[in-house]
Amino acid sequence: MTGKIAGPLIGLGLPATALLVAMPLLADTPVRVFGIPLLFFWIFLWIPLTSLCLGTSWFLFDRHRPDPDHDTPPAPTPDPAATAGTAAASTVGRDH
């Protein structure tokens, strides 16, 4: 499985499936965990687990991808001889 498919499946597909499949199954259960109905406990449990899935997806698949905003070479510096004429021209006619 390539990163283009596995990354979104781990990061978003797994949490969405865990929540959407479990909701109808846990909706009518009388079980309580720490005094909270099992469905609410399951939903609240998946809040940090979703972050863990997204972090795992990034670490395994997107971490090594170059960032075009930060990995571009710096712009070349202008030639001082070429910019000397423009600096002098911009001050002509100005009162100091």
C-alpha atoms as a PDB file:
ATOM      1  CA  MET A   1       0.000   0.000   0.000  1.00  0.00           C
ATOM      2  CA  THR A   2       1.485   3.340  -0.969  1.00  0.00           C
ATOM      3  CA  GLY A   3       1.598   6.465   1.171  1.00  0.00           C
ATOM      4  CA  LYS A   4      -1.005   8.187  -0.978  1.00  0.00           C
ATOM      5  CA  ILE A   5      -3.583   5.634   0.097  1.00  0.00           C
ATOM      6  CA  ALA A   6      -2.307   4.428   3.480  1.00  0.00           C
ATOM      7  CA  GLY A   7      -1.789   7.887   4.963  1.00  0.00           C
ATOM      8  CA  PRO A   8      -5.420   9.040   4.683  1.00  0.00           C
ATOM      9  CA  LEU A   9      -6.676   5.581   5.641  1.00  0.00           C
ATOM     10  CA  ILE A  10      -4.704   5.599   8.885  1.00  0.00           C
ATOM     11  CA  GLY A  11      -5.170   9.282   9.624  1.00  0.00           C
ATOM     12  CA  LEU A  12      -8.850   9.705   8.806  1.00  0.00           C
ATOM     13  CA  GLY A  13     -10.357   6.391   7.693  1.00  0.00           C
ATOM     14  CA  LEU A  14      -9.575   4.467  10.844  1.00  0.00           C
ATOM     15  CA  PRO A  15     -11.064   7.030  13.269  1.00  0.00           C
ATOM     16  CA  ALA A  16     -14.108   7.639  11.070  1.00  0.00           C
ATOM     17  CA  THR A  17     -14.756   3.924  10.736  1.00  0.00           C
ATOM     18  CA  ALA A  18     -14.269   3.339  14.465  1.00  0.00           C
ATOM     19  CA  LEU A  19     -16.803   6.017  15.300  1.00  0.00           C
ATOM     20  CA  LEU A  20     -19.391   5.396  12.589  1.00  0.00           C
ATOM     21  CA  VAL A  21     -19.450   1.612  12.966  1.00  0.00           C
ATOM     22  CA  ALA A  22     -19.468   1.651  16.767  1.00  0.00           C
ATOM     23  CA  MET A  23     -22.210   4.246  17.235  1.00  0.00           C
ATOM     24  CA  PRO A  24     -25.151   2.034  16.205  1.00  0.00           C
ATOM     25  CA  LEU A  25     -23.649  -0.938  18.032  1.00  0.00           C
ATOM     26  CA  LEU A  26     -23.065   0.889  21.326  1.00  0.00           C
ATOM     27  CA  ALA A  27     -26.118   3.149  21.312  1.00  0.00           C
ATOM     28  CA  ASP A  28     -28.397   0.883  23.362  1.00  0.00           C
ATOM     29  CA  THR A  29     -25.922  -0.789  25.702  1.00  0.00           C
ATOM     30  CA  PRO A  30     -26.438  -0.236  29.432  1.00  0.00           C
ATOM     31  CA  VAL A  31     -22.701  -0.601  30.117  1.00  0.00           C
ATOM     32  CA  ARG A  32     -20.991   2.307  31.880  1.00  0.00           C
ATOM     33  CA  VAL A  33     -17.287   3.078  32.119  1.00  0.00           C
ATOM     34  CA  PHE A  34     -16.342   5.348  35.040  1.00  0.00           C
ATOM     35  CA  GLY A  35     -20.027   6.267  35.292  1.00  0.00           C
ATOM     36  CA  ILE A  36     -20.196   7.380  31.642  1.00  0.00           C
ATOM     37  CA  PRO A  37     -22.298   5.514  29.077  1.00  0.00           C
ATOM     38  CA  LEU A  38     -20.131   3.328  26.865  1.00  0.00           C
ATOM     39  CA  LEU A  39     -21.015   5.237  23.680  1.00  0.00           C
ATOM     40  CA  PHE A  40     -19.874   8.576  25.131  1.00  0.00           C
ATOM     41  CA  PHE A  41     -16.741   6.967  26.536  1.00  0.00           C
ATOM     42  CA  TRP A  42     -15.960   5.519  23.089  1.00  0.00           C
ATOM     43  CA  ILE A  43     -16.473   8.891  21.380  1.00  0.00           C
ATOM     44  CA  PHE A  44     -14.347  10.745  23.946  1.00  0.00           C
ATOM     45  CA  LEU A  45     -11.670   8.035  23.701  1.00  0.00           C
ATOM     46  CA  TRP A  46     -11.349   8.620  19.959  1.00  0.00           C
ATOM     47  CA  ILE A  47     -10.529  12.322  20.356  1.00  0.00           C
ATOM     48  CA  PRO A  48      -6.888  11.646  21.393  1.00  0.00           C
ATOM     49  CA  LEU A  49      -6.762   8.469  19.326  1.00  0.00           C
ATOM     50  CA  THR A  50      -7.590  10.491  16.191  1.00  0.00           C
ATOM     51  CA  SER A  51      -4.662  12.788  16.954  1.00  0.00           C
ATOM     52  CA  LEU A  52      -2.487   9.715  17.401  1.00  0.00           C
ATOM     53  CA  CYS A  53      -3.660   8.333  14.040  1.00  0.00           C
ATOM     54  CA  LEU A  54      -2.980  11.655  12.287  1.00  0.00           C
ATOM     55  CA  GLY A  55       0.471  11.882  13.883  1.00  0.00           C
ATOM     56  CA  THR A  56       1.264   8.304  12.906  1.00  0.00           C
ATOM     57  CA  SER A  57       0.165   8.973   9.355  1.00  0.00           C
ATOM     58  CA  TRP A  58       2.356  12.081   9.148  1.00  0.00           C
ATOM     59  CA  PHE A  59       5.342  10.324  10.732  1.00  0.00           C
ATOM     60  CA  LEU A  60       5.166   7.307   8.419  1.00  0.00           C
ATOM     61  CA  PHE A  61       4.187   8.906   5.121  1.00  0.00           C
ATOM     62  CA  ASP A  62       4.423  12.717   4.968  1.00  0.00           C
ATOM     63  CA  ARG A  63       7.444  13.530   7.139  1.00  0.00           C
ATOM     64  CA  HIS A  64       9.938  12.829   4.379  1.00  0.00           C
ATOM     65  CA  ARG A  65       8.085  14.811   1.717  1.00  0.00           C
ATOM     66  CA  PRO A  66       9.873  18.109   0.922  1.00  0.00           C
ATOM     67  CA  ASP A  67       8.036  21.306   1.757  1.00  0.00           C
ATOM     68  CA  PRO A  68       8.064  23.609  -1.301  1.00  0.00           C
ATOM     69  CA  ASP A  69       7.809  26.741   0.878  1.00  0.00           C
ATOM     70  CA  HIS A  70      10.833  25.947   3.019  1.00  0.00           C
ATOM     71  CA  ASP A  71      13.063  23.885   0.742  1.00  0.00           C
ATOM     72  CA  THR A  72      13.461  26.360  -2.119  1.00  0.00           C
ATOM     73  CA  PRO A  73      16.895  27.872  -2.598  1.00  0.00           C
ATOM     74  CA  PRO A  74      17.271  31.508  -1.612  1.00  0.00           C
ATOM     75  CA  ALA A  75      16.797  34.136  -4.285  1.00  0.00           C
ATOM     76  CA  PRO A  76      20.019  35.409  -5.835  1.00  0.00           C
ATOM     77  CA  THR A  77      21.300  38.687  -4.458  1.00  0.00           C
ATOM     78  CA  PRO A  78      21.222  41.572  -6.934  1.00  0.00           C
ATOM     79  CA  ASP A  79      24.437  42.890  -8.427  1.00  0.00           C
ATOM     80  CA  PRO A  80      25.603  45.989  -6.455  1.00  0.00           C
ATOM     81  CA  ALA A  81      26.676  47.742  -9.660  1.00  0.00           C
ATOM     82  CA  ALA A  82      23.210  47.314 -11.172  1.00  0.00           C
ATOM     83  CA  THR A  83      21.383  48.615  -8.095  1.00  0.00           C
ATOM     84  CA  ALA A  84      23.655  51.644  -7.524  1.00  0.00           C
ATOM     85  CA  GLY A  85      22.039  53.569 -10.381  1.00  0.00           C
ATOM     86  CA  THR A  86      18.508  52.893  -9.193  1.00  0.00           C
ATOM     87  CA  ALA A  87      19.275  54.018  -5.641  1.00  0.00           C
ATOM     88  CA  ALA A  88      20.722  57.317  -6.858  1.00  0.00           C
ATOM     89  CA  ALA A  89      17.795  57.866  -9.230  1.00  0.00           C
ATOM     90  CA  SER A  90      15.263  57.367  -6.475  1.00  0.00           C
ATOM     91  CA  THR A  91      16.730  60.199  -4.340  1.00  0.00           C
ATOM     92  CA  VAL A  92      16.854  62.744  -7.156  1.00  0.00           C
ATOM     93  CA  GLY A  93      14.327  65.512  -6.684  1.00  0.00           C
ATOM     94  CA  ARG A  94      13.653  64.768  -3.029  1.00  0.00           C
ATOM     95  CA  ASP A  95      14.236  67.403  -0.379  1.00  0.00           C
ATOM     96  CA  HIS A  96      16.325  66.240   2.539  1.00  0.00           C
END
